[in-house]
Amino acid sequence: MIIKILGTGCDKCDTLEENVKEAINELGIEASVEKIENLLEIVKYGVMTSPTLVIDEKIVSTGKVLKVKKIKELIEKN
């Protein structure tokens, strides 16, 4: 599983990354977490708000700092 956080490096993006890592740890799964801060790369996904959460190339959330519980639900669903 590849999880990406798209954002320009703001505090919200950092918090989402921390929450994603905690969710992965709590679930005990193998997943790589990538933080994409390059604006050209972010635009390729067609999103205009950050942070954006992408699981296995599927956009699952935009513009929100999700809590660990919600991230775990999204990971299990995808």
Protein backbone atom coordinates (compact mmCIF):
# COMPACT_ATOMS: atom_id res chain seq x y z
CA MET A 1 0.00 0.00 0.00
CA ILE A 2 1.25 3.45 -0.90
CA ILE A 3 -0.20 6.42 0.92
CA LYS A 4 0.55 9.94 -0.27
CA ILE A 5 -0.02 13.27 1.40
CA LEU A 6 -0.25 16.08 -1.15
CA GLY A 7 0.45 19.56 0.15
CA THR A 8 2.91 22.40 0.10
CA GLY A 9 4.42 21.71 3.51
CA CYS A 10 1.97 23.52 5.78
CA ASP A 11 1.22 22.56 9.37
CA LYS A 12 -1.99 20.81 8.28
CA CYS A 13 0.00 18.61 5.91
CA ASP A 14 2.50 17.74 8.64
CA THR A 15 -0.29 16.85 11.06
CA LEU A 16 -2.00 14.65 8.47
CA GLU A 17 1.29 12.85 7.83
CA GLU A 18 1.73 12.20 11.56
CA ASN A 19 -1.85 10.91 11.83
CA VAL A 20 -1.36 8.61 8.82
CA LYS A 21 1.79 7.13 10.34
CA GLU A 22 0.00 6.58 13.65
CA ALA A 23 -2.94 4.90 11.89
CA ILE A 24 -0.59 2.55 10.02
CA ASN A 25 1.19 1.72 13.26
CA GLU A 26 -2.08 1.03 15.11
CA LEU A 27 -3.32 -1.20 12.28
CA GLY A 28 0.01 -3.04 12.15
CA ILE A 29 0.17 -3.01 8.36
CA GLU A 30 2.93 -2.48 5.83
CA ALA A 31 2.56 0.77 3.93
CA SER A 32 4.84 3.44 2.56
CA VAL A 33 4.03 7.07 3.25
CA GLU A 34 5.10 9.69 0.74
CA LYS A 35 4.76 13.42 1.19
CA ILE A 36 4.41 15.23 -2.13
CA GLU A 37 5.21 18.93 -1.83
CA ASN A 38 6.09 19.67 -5.46
CA LEU A 39 3.28 21.81 -6.88
CA LEU A 40 3.64 20.32 -10.38
CA GLU A 41 3.20 16.81 -8.97
CA ILE A 42 0.18 17.89 -6.90
CA VAL A 43 -1.49 19.49 -9.95
CA LYS A 44 -1.24 16.15 -11.80
CA TYR A 45 -3.82 14.79 -9.34
CA GLY A 46 -6.24 17.57 -10.25
CA VAL A 47 -6.70 18.81 -6.70
CA MET A 48 -6.69 22.43 -5.64
CA THR A 49 -6.96 22.09 -1.85
CA SER A 50 -4.53 20.70 0.63
CA PRO A 51 -3.85 18.53 2.33
CA THR A 52 -5.01 15.73 0.08
CA LEU A 53 -4.81 12.07 1.08
CA VAL A 54 -4.21 9.48 -1.64
CA ILE A 55 -4.31 5.73 -1.02
CA ASP A 56 -2.96 3.55 -3.83
CA GLU A 57 -3.44 6.42 -6.33
CA LYS A 58 -7.08 6.98 -5.27
CA ILE A 59 -7.94 10.37 -3.78
CA VAL A 60 -9.83 9.70 -0.54
CA SER A 61 -9.83 13.13 1.14
CA THR A 62 -9.10 16.75 0.28
CA GLY A 63 -8.82 19.85 2.43
CA LYS A 64 -9.12 18.05 5.77
CA VAL A 65 -6.80 17.03 8.56
CA LEU A 66 -8.30 13.64 9.27
CA LYS A 67 -8.17 12.06 12.71
CA VAL A 68 -6.40 8.73 13.17
CA LYS A 69 -9.70 6.84 13.51
CA LYS A 70 -10.99 8.12 10.14
CA ILE A 71 -7.68 7.35 8.42
CA LYS A 72 -7.83 3.80 9.74
CA GLU A 73 -11.35 3.43 8.31
CA LEU A 74 -10.19 4.69 4.90
CA ILE A 75 -7.18 2.37 4.89
CA GLU A 76 -9.32 -0.64 5.75
CA LYS A 77 -11.89 0.34 3.10
CA ASN A 78 -9.28 0.69 0.37
